Amino acid sequence: MRILIIHTFYQAPGGEDTVFQQESSLLSREHEVHTLTFQNKKGWRGALQTIGSFWNIFAAQRVKKSIRAFKPDIVHLHNTHYASGPLLIRTIAKLGIPQVMTLHNFRLLCPSATLYHHNHLFLDSLHEEFPWTAVRQKAFNNSTVKTFLLALNYWLHRRMGTWKKVNRYINLSSFAKSIFAESTLSISTEKFEVKPNFVFPATIGSEISQSYFIYVGRLSDEKGILQLIESVKGTRLELRIIGGGPLEEEVVKSISGHSNISYLGFKSRTEILPLVAAAQALIVPSICFEGMPITILEAYSVGTAVLCSKLGPLPELIIPQRTGQTFDPHNNKEITACLTQWNAKPADEKDEIRKTCLAYYFSKFTPEINESELLAIYKDAIEDKKLNK
């Protein structure tokens, strides 16, 4: 199969970039893959991209040129935010090529993209024809103007039927699929397919299991890191924190004087995996709706359990008491109790849990399984295009 994969990079690297790169690498093993990328800019160039994203003829021309040269059987879109824009979808459809789009976030429904704003879940846009509440509350970049322009862009393309031209959408979870299906987007439910992310098998040696818990991720409010720290203070539970972000100084200050909590700073994936493999559990205390955290899949790939928030799609990734447990991220006592109970499990039970986590990874999140699921979605998209010419 000839596959054209299109992606727009944000100014700062993110999880969407990882998924794009992994899928491109995976599919290249047995298929002809061509990638086309765009890059969001800062300053006046970024301002021009913002304005041009409504109807970016330059990006559309690049796509048209790539399609005519490569002649793909299908186009797979990842992020199209700003530097490329929704016109790509109309261009691809006009050329008669089936297309699939991975929905890494909720930007089609709300300018916030995360359904999180001002330190709280923000769901108003889901049932508004136009997201005026998001505009009033400056849900994007804390700017009324930027939020309005982004909302107008997506609303106009909704009115023009642009989003309906995509043959299949990929949701990372059943939870996300339900959000889109019940929204005002008004796209047929059959166009939404659920396919989780994947990670390549870990290539590290056997690690000696230790008693600490580990947090790996961005140090920001929506990730629930401060609540986690408060829940571990004054206990005998050991917590190690890896990552960077706007709350870094506050995290360092908060753990000062608490010898059971250590901040290891930002580390590369090769440095992180052995630390996760040796931990008794990865903690994911998010107070927002996550997409599909790669860190959870990586934990399973090295046999490490996951204790996580009950919010959003995260419970879908947990087999209670067998691969992990969930907790209310807003309830510090519940977080403490969850970690304490897990810490008290006997060694032989933890050994069985490690085996179950590995088996769970190999049953759901390997490259081979993901490729099979992805190709099935591509075939559905191709059939949909044939039926709806």
Protein backbone atom coordinates (compact mmCIF):
# COMPACT_ATOMS: atom_id res chain seq x y z
CA MET A 1 0.00 0.00 0.00
CA ARG A 2 1.17 3.53 -0.79
CA ILE A 3 0.59 5.74 2.25
CA LEU A 4 1.04 9.51 2.51
CA ILE A 5 1.30 10.67 6.14
CA ILE A 6 0.88 14.39 6.88
CA HIS A 7 1.74 16.07 10.16
CA THR A 8 2.23 19.59 11.51
CA PHE A 9 4.81 20.02 14.25
CA TYR A 10 4.08 22.35 17.15
CA GLN A 11 6.74 24.83 18.25
CA ALA A 12 7.65 22.48 21.12
CA PRO A 13 7.89 18.70 20.62
CA GLY A 14 4.95 16.66 21.92
CA GLY A 15 3.31 13.26 22.04
CA GLU A 16 1.66 13.71 18.63
CA ASP A 17 5.11 13.98 17.06
CA THR A 18 6.12 10.68 18.65
CA VAL A 19 3.02 8.91 17.33
CA PHE A 20 3.57 10.32 13.82
CA GLN A 21 7.20 9.20 13.81
CA GLN A 22 6.44 5.75 15.23
CA GLU A 23 3.61 5.04 12.79
CA SER A 24 5.69 6.23 9.84
CA SER A 25 8.55 3.96 10.88
CA LEU A 26 6.24 1.02 11.50
CA LEU A 27 4.39 1.24 8.19
CA SER A 28 7.63 1.75 6.24
CA ARG A 29 8.67 -1.82 7.01
CA GLU A 30 6.16 -3.34 4.56
CA HIS A 31 4.59 -0.42 2.70
CA GLU A 32 5.64 2.54 0.59
CA VAL A 33 5.38 5.54 2.90
CA HIS A 34 5.91 9.19 2.09
CA THR A 35 5.72 11.87 4.79
CA LEU A 36 4.84 15.53 4.38
CA THR A 37 5.40 17.84 7.35
CA PHE A 38 4.75 21.44 8.32
CA GLN A 39 6.21 23.48 11.18
CA ASN A 40 4.48 26.07 13.36
CA LYS A 41 6.54 29.23 13.73
CA LYS A 42 6.90 31.96 16.34
CA GLY A 43 6.60 35.74 15.96
CA TRP A 44 5.26 37.39 12.82
CA ARG A 45 5.59 34.16 10.83
CA GLY A 46 3.36 32.47 13.36
CA ALA A 47 0.85 35.32 13.09
CA LEU A 48 0.73 34.85 9.31
CA GLN A 49 0.20 31.12 9.78
CA THR A 50 -2.69 31.86 12.13
CA ILE A 51 -4.39 34.12 9.60
CA GLY A 52 -3.63 31.80 6.68
CA SER A 53 -4.88 28.67 8.41
CA PHE A 54 -8.46 29.49 7.37
CA TRP A 55 -7.64 28.79 3.72
CA ASN A 56 -3.97 27.90 3.37
CA ILE A 57 -3.55 27.60 -0.40
CA PHE A 58 0.23 27.24 -0.07
CA ALA A 59 -0.08 24.18 2.17
CA ALA A 60 -2.80 22.82 -0.11
CA GLN A 61 -0.50 23.18 -3.12
CA ARG A 62 2.23 21.22 -1.32
CA VAL A 63 -0.24 18.44 -0.60
CA LYS A 64 -1.53 18.44 -4.18
CA LYS A 65 2.03 18.24 -5.50
CA SER A 66 2.89 15.36 -3.16
CA ILE A 67 -0.24 13.41 -4.09
CA ARG A 68 0.35 13.82 -7.83
CA ALA A 69 3.98 12.75 -7.50
CA PHE A 70 3.53 9.89 -5.01
CA LYS A 71 0.03 8.69 -6.04
CA PRO A 72 -0.96 7.33 -2.60
CA ASP A 73 -3.70 4.80 -1.97
CA ILE A 74 -4.56 6.67 1.22
CA VAL A 75 -3.63 9.83 3.13
CA HIS A 76 -3.27 9.77 6.92
CA LEU A 77 -3.50 13.14 8.65
CA HIS A 78 -2.24 13.82 12.14
CA ASN A 79 -2.06 17.40 13.44
CA THR A 80 -3.18 20.15 11.01
CA HIS A 81 -3.18 23.01 13.53
CA TYR A 82 -2.20 26.38 12.02
CA ALA A 83 0.73 25.75 9.68
CA SER A 84 -1.28 23.48 7.36
CA GLY A 85 -4.99 23.93 8.12
CA PRO A 86 -8.31 22.26 7.22
CA LEU A 87 -8.08 23.15 3.52
CA LEU A 88 -5.83 20.09 3.18
CA ILE A 89 -8.87 17.88 3.79
CA ARG A 90 -10.84 19.49 0.98
CA THR A 91 -7.84 19.26 -1.36
CA ILE A 92 -7.34 15.55 -0.66
CA ALA A 93 -11.06 14.85 -1.15
CA LYS A 94 -11.13 16.77 -4.43
CA LEU A 95 -8.27 14.63 -5.74
CA GLY A 96 -10.31 11.52 -4.93
CA ILE A 97 -7.96 10.06 -2.32
CA PRO A 98 -9.37 8.32 0.79
CA GLN A 99 -8.24 9.96 4.02
CA VAL A 100 -7.93 9.07 7.69
CA MET A 101 -7.36 11.53 10.52
CA THR A 102 -6.07 10.73 14.01
CA LEU A 103 -7.77 12.87 16.66
CA HIS A 104 -5.03 13.41 19.23
CA ASN A 105 -7.12 15.99 21.12
CA PHE A 106 -10.52 17.73 21.11
CA ARG A 107 -9.68 20.79 18.99
CA LEU A 108 -12.43 20.02 16.47
CA LEU A 109 -14.87 20.55 19.34
CA CYS A 110 -13.26 23.26 21.46
CA PRO A 111 -10.48 25.87 21.05
CA SER A 112 -8.96 24.65 24.32
CA ALA A 113 -8.13 21.34 22.56
CA THR A 114 -7.87 19.65 25.97
CA LEU A 115 -11.33 20.42 27.40
CA TYR A 116 -9.40 21.91 30.33
CA HIS A 117 -9.18 25.59 31.23
CA HIS A 118 -8.49 27.70 34.32
CA ASN A 119 -7.49 24.61 36.31
CA HIS A 120 -10.80 22.83 35.67
CA LEU A 121 -12.46 20.59 33.11
CA PHE A 122 -14.10 22.81 30.49
CA LEU A 123 -16.96 21.08 28.65
CA ASP A 124 -19.12 24.03 27.56
CA SER A 125 -18.07 23.84 23.90
CA LEU A 126 -19.32 20.28 23.47
CA HIS A 127 -22.94 21.35 23.22
CA GLU A 128 -22.63 24.84 21.74
CA GLU A 129 -23.11 25.42 18.02
CA PHE A 130 -20.39 28.08 18.25
CA PRO A 131 -18.03 28.02 21.28
CA TRP A 132 -18.83 31.49 22.61
CA THR A 133 -18.12 30.47 26.20
CA ALA A 134 -14.59 29.46 25.21
CA VAL A 135 -14.12 32.81 23.48
CA ARG A 136 -15.33 34.75 26.52
CA GLN A 137 -13.08 32.76 28.82
CA LYS A 138 -10.04 33.03 26.50
CA ALA A 139 -9.68 29.26 26.30
CA PHE A 140 -6.83 29.37 23.76
CA ASN A 141 -3.56 31.05 24.77
CA ASN A 142 -5.52 33.22 27.24
CA SER A 143 -6.53 35.46 24.31
CA THR A 144 -10.02 36.48 23.22
CA VAL A 145 -8.85 37.28 19.69
CA LYS A 146 -6.86 34.05 19.19
CA THR A 147 -9.66 31.95 20.65
CA PHE A 148 -12.25 33.61 18.42
CA LEU A 149 -10.15 33.21 15.26
CA LEU A 150 -9.50 29.54 16.00
CA ALA A 151 -13.16 28.90 16.84
CA LEU A 152 -14.29 30.70 13.68
CA ASN A 153 -11.88 28.68 11.55
CA TYR A 154 -13.17 25.34 12.78
CA TRP A 155 -16.82 26.49 12.81
CA LEU A 156 -16.63 27.70 9.20
CA HIS A 157 -15.15 24.41 8.05
CA ARG A 158 -17.85 22.58 9.97
CA ARG A 159 -20.50 24.62 8.15
CA MET A 160 -18.78 23.94 4.82
CA GLY A 161 -18.77 20.20 5.47
CA THR A 162 -14.98 19.91 5.53
CA TRP A 163 -14.85 17.52 8.49
CA LYS A 164 -17.37 15.18 6.83
CA LYS A 165 -14.96 14.67 3.93
CA VAL A 166 -12.65 12.62 6.15
CA ASN A 167 -13.47 8.94 5.55
CA ARG A 168 -12.37 7.63 8.94
CA TYR A 169 -11.37 9.28 12.21
CA ILE A 170 -9.13 7.48 14.68
CA ASN A 171 -9.92 8.01 18.36
CA LEU A 172 -7.34 6.86 20.87
CA SER A 173 -9.99 5.59 23.31
CA SER A 174 -13.65 4.64 23.56
CA PHE A 175 -14.06 7.60 25.91
CA ALA A 176 -12.85 10.04 23.24
CA LYS A 177 -15.09 8.40 20.65
CA SER A 178 -18.12 8.94 22.87
CA ILE A 179 -17.23 12.62 23.35
CA PHE A 180 -17.06 13.19 19.59
CA ALA A 181 -20.14 11.09 18.84
CA GLU A 182 -22.28 13.03 21.33
CA SER A 183 -21.01 16.49 20.36
CA THR A 184 -22.44 19.06 17.95
CA LEU A 185 -19.93 17.98 15.27
CA SER A 186 -22.72 15.90 13.66
CA ILE A 187 -20.52 13.30 11.98
CA SER A 188 -21.77 9.74 11.55
CA THR A 189 -20.67 7.54 14.44
CA GLU A 190 -19.49 4.84 12.01
CA LYS A 191 -16.72 7.17 10.86
CA PHE A 192 -15.06 7.02 14.29
CA GLU A 193 -12.76 4.06 14.98
CA VAL A 194 -10.88 3.33 18.20
CA LYS A 195 -7.19 2.47 17.96
CA PRO A 196 -4.79 3.02 20.86
CA ASN A 197 -1.21 4.10 20.46
CA PHE A 198 1.65 1.61 20.66
CA VAL A 199 5.26 1.46 21.75
CA PHE A 200 8.11 -0.66 20.47
CA PRO A 201 9.24 -3.43 22.85
CA ALA A 202 11.69 -2.26 25.49
CA THR A 203 15.33 -3.09 24.84
CA ILE A 204 16.64 -2.86 28.39
CA GLY A 205 18.08 -5.49 30.67
CA SER A 206 16.30 -7.00 33.64
CA GLU A 207 15.92 -4.42 36.41
CA ILE A 208 15.86 -5.23 40.13
CA SER A 209 12.44 -4.26 41.45
CA GLN A 210 12.54 -1.49 44.04
CA SER A 211 9.98 0.03 46.39
CA TYR A 212 9.59 3.51 44.91
CA PHE A 213 6.71 4.93 42.88
CA ILE A 214 7.50 7.08 39.85
CA TYR A 215 5.88 10.01 38.04
CA VAL A 216 6.99 10.74 34.47
CA GLY A 217 5.52 13.70 32.62
CA ARG A 218 5.01 17.40 32.26
CA LEU A 219 5.09 19.41 35.47
CA SER A 220 1.90 21.39 34.95
CA ASP A 221 -1.37 21.88 36.76
CA GLU A 222 -3.53 19.61 34.58
CA LYS A 223 -1.21 16.66 35.24
CA GLY A 224 -2.08 16.66 38.96
CA ILE A 225 1.54 16.62 40.09
CA LEU A 226 1.02 18.98 43.06
CA GLN A 227 -1.88 16.88 44.38
CA LEU A 228 0.31 13.79 44.11
CA ILE A 229 3.11 15.43 46.07
CA GLU A 230 0.71 16.53 48.82
CA SER A 231 -0.65 12.98 49.00
CA VAL A 232 2.80 11.49 49.57
CA LYS A 233 4.11 14.08 52.04
CA GLY A 234 4.34 12.80 55.59
CA THR A 235 4.18 9.15 54.55
CA ARG A 236 6.77 6.42 54.17
CA LEU A 237 5.98 6.10 50.48
CA GLU A 238 8.92 6.87 48.18
CA LEU A 239 8.18 8.96 45.09
CA ARG A 240 10.55 9.88 42.27
CA ILE A 241 9.55 12.62 39.82
CA ILE A 242 10.84 12.99 36.25
CA GLY A 243 9.93 15.78 33.84
CA GLY A 244 9.94 19.51 33.26
CA GLY A 245 7.42 22.29 32.85
CA PRO A 246 5.96 25.50 34.28
CA LEU A 247 5.58 24.08 37.80
CA GLU A 248 9.19 22.94 38.12
CA GLU A 249 10.17 25.58 40.69
CA GLU A 250 7.00 24.96 42.69
CA VAL A 251 7.65 21.21 42.65
CA VAL A 252 11.20 21.67 43.91
CA LYS A 253 9.99 24.02 46.65
CA SER A 254 7.11 21.72 47.61
CA ILE A 255 9.28 18.64 48.13
CA SER A 256 11.96 20.49 50.09
CA GLY A 257 12.44 18.82 53.46
CA HIS A 258 10.65 15.63 52.41
CA SER A 259 13.31 12.96 51.99
CA ASN A 260 10.84 10.42 50.61
CA ILE A 261 10.24 12.55 47.49
CA SER A 262 12.98 13.26 44.96
CA TYR A 263 12.98 15.28 41.74
CA LEU A 264 15.27 13.81 39.07
CA GLY A 265 14.75 16.54 36.46
CA PHE A 266 14.21 15.99 32.75
CA LYS A 267 15.61 12.76 31.30
CA SER A 268 15.73 11.01 27.92
CA ARG A 269 13.64 7.93 27.15
CA THR A 270 16.71 5.68 27.41
CA GLU A 271 17.32 7.03 30.91
CA ILE A 272 13.66 6.85 31.93
CA LEU A 273 12.81 3.25 30.97
CA PRO A 274 15.18 1.52 33.45
CA LEU A 275 13.85 3.75 36.24
CA VAL A 276 10.25 2.90 35.31
CA ALA A 277 11.12 -0.79 35.04
CA ALA A 278 12.52 -0.81 38.59
CA ALA A 279 9.57 1.09 40.10
CA GLN A 280 6.69 -0.75 41.77
CA ALA A 281 4.22 1.45 39.86
CA LEU A 282 3.93 4.44 37.55
CA ILE A 283 1.61 7.15 38.88
CA VAL A 284 -0.59 9.15 36.46
CA PRO A 285 -2.65 11.62 38.57
CA SER A 286 -4.04 13.76 35.72
CA ILE A 287 -7.00 16.04 36.45
CA CYS A 288 -7.63 16.59 32.72
CA PHE A 289 -8.83 14.23 29.98
CA GLU A 290 -5.67 12.59 28.64
CA GLY A 291 -5.36 11.24 25.11
CA MET A 292 -3.35 8.03 25.28
CA PRO A 293 -0.24 8.56 27.49
CA ILE A 294 2.77 6.84 25.96
CA THR A 295 4.24 6.58 29.48
CA ILE A 296 1.53 4.08 30.46
CA LEU A 297 2.24 1.86 27.47
CA GLU A 298 5.97 2.06 28.16
CA ALA A 299 5.36 1.06 31.77
CA TYR A 300 3.47 -2.04 30.66
CA SER A 301 6.20 -2.84 28.15
CA VAL A 302 8.67 -3.23 31.05
CA GLY A 303 6.20 -4.97 33.36
CA THR A 304 5.43 -2.02 35.63
CA ALA A 305 1.95 -1.46 37.05
CA VAL A 306 0.04 1.82 36.64
CA LEU A 307 -1.91 3.69 39.33
CA CYS A 308 -3.90 6.44 37.68
CA SER A 309 -6.72 8.96 37.72
CA LYS A 310 -10.32 7.83 37.22
CA LEU A 311 -10.90 10.66 34.74
CA GLY A 312 -11.36 10.33 30.99
CA PRO A 313 -9.94 7.34 29.13
CA LEU A 314 -7.37 6.25 31.72
CA PRO A 315 -9.55 3.56 33.38
CA GLU A 316 -9.77 1.85 29.96
CA LEU A 317 -6.05 1.13 30.24
CA ILE A 318 -6.26 -0.56 33.64
CA ILE A 319 -7.26 -4.08 34.65
CA PRO A 320 -8.12 -3.38 38.32
CA GLN A 321 -5.71 -5.05 40.78
CA ARG A 322 -4.09 -6.96 37.91
CA THR A 323 -2.23 -4.21 36.03
CA GLY A 324 -2.97 -1.30 38.33
CA GLN A 325 -5.65 0.70 40.09
CA THR A 326 -7.51 4.00 39.74
CA PHE A 327 -8.19 6.84 42.18
CA ASP A 328 -9.98 10.17 42.40
CA PRO A 329 -7.22 12.69 41.52
CA HIS A 330 -8.96 15.41 43.52
CA ASN A 331 -9.00 13.34 46.72
CA ASN A 332 -5.58 13.33 48.39
CA LYS A 333 -6.66 10.77 50.99
CA GLU A 334 -7.79 8.40 48.25
CA ILE A 335 -4.49 8.81 46.40
CA THR A 336 -2.56 8.10 49.61
CA ALA A 337 -4.71 5.04 50.35
CA CYS A 338 -4.28 3.70 46.81
CA LEU A 339 -0.48 3.96 46.95
CA THR A 340 -0.32 2.61 50.50
CA GLN A 341 -2.43 -0.44 49.65
CA TRP A 342 -0.34 -1.12 46.57
CA ASN A 343 2.87 -0.74 48.55
CA ALA A 344 1.62 -3.33 51.06
CA LYS A 345 1.10 -6.07 48.47
CA PRO A 346 3.34 -9.11 49.06
CA ALA A 347 6.32 -9.65 46.78
CA ASP A 348 4.89 -12.74 45.08
CA GLU A 349 1.70 -10.86 44.16
CA LYS A 350 3.76 -8.00 42.70
CA ASP A 351 5.74 -10.52 40.66
CA GLU A 352 2.49 -11.88 39.20
CA ILE A 353 1.33 -8.34 38.46
CA ARG A 354 4.54 -7.69 36.53
CA LYS A 355 3.90 -10.76 34.41
CA THR A 356 0.32 -9.65 33.80
CA CYS A 357 1.45 -6.15 32.77
CA LEU A 358 3.86 -7.62 30.22
CA ALA A 359 1.19 -9.97 28.89
CA TYR A 360 -1.25 -7.06 28.64
CA TYR A 361 1.29 -5.07 26.61
CA PHE A 362 1.89 -7.96 24.20
CA SER A 363 -1.86 -8.50 23.78
CA LYS A 364 -2.79 -4.89 22.94
CA PHE A 365 0.01 -2.39 22.43
CA THR A 366 2.68 -3.95 20.22
CA PRO A 367 3.65 -2.56 16.79
CA GLU A 368 2.36 -5.67 15.02
CA ILE A 369 -1.11 -5.46 16.57
CA ASN A 370 -1.27 -1.73 15.93
CA GLU A 371 -0.28 -2.11 12.29
CA SER A 372 -3.01 -4.68 11.75
CA GLU A 373 -5.60 -2.36 13.34
CA LEU A 374 -4.37 0.60 11.32
CA LEU A 375 -4.50 -1.26 8.00
CA ALA A 376 -8.06 -2.40 8.78
CA ILE A 377 -9.04 1.24 9.30
CA TYR A 378 -7.35 2.21 6.03
CA LYS A 379 -9.37 -0.46 4.21
CA ASP A 380 -12.59 0.84 5.77
CA ALA A 381 -11.69 4.36 4.62
CA ILE A 382 -10.98 3.16 1.08
CA GLU A 383 -14.32 1.33 0.95
CA ASP A 384 -16.10 4.40 2.31
CA LYS A 385 -14.56 6.54 -0.43
CA LYS A 386 -15.71 4.08 -3.11
CA LEU A 387 -19.26 4.11 -1.76
CA ASN A 388 -19.44 7.88 -1.45
CA LYS A 389 -17.86 9.18 -4.64
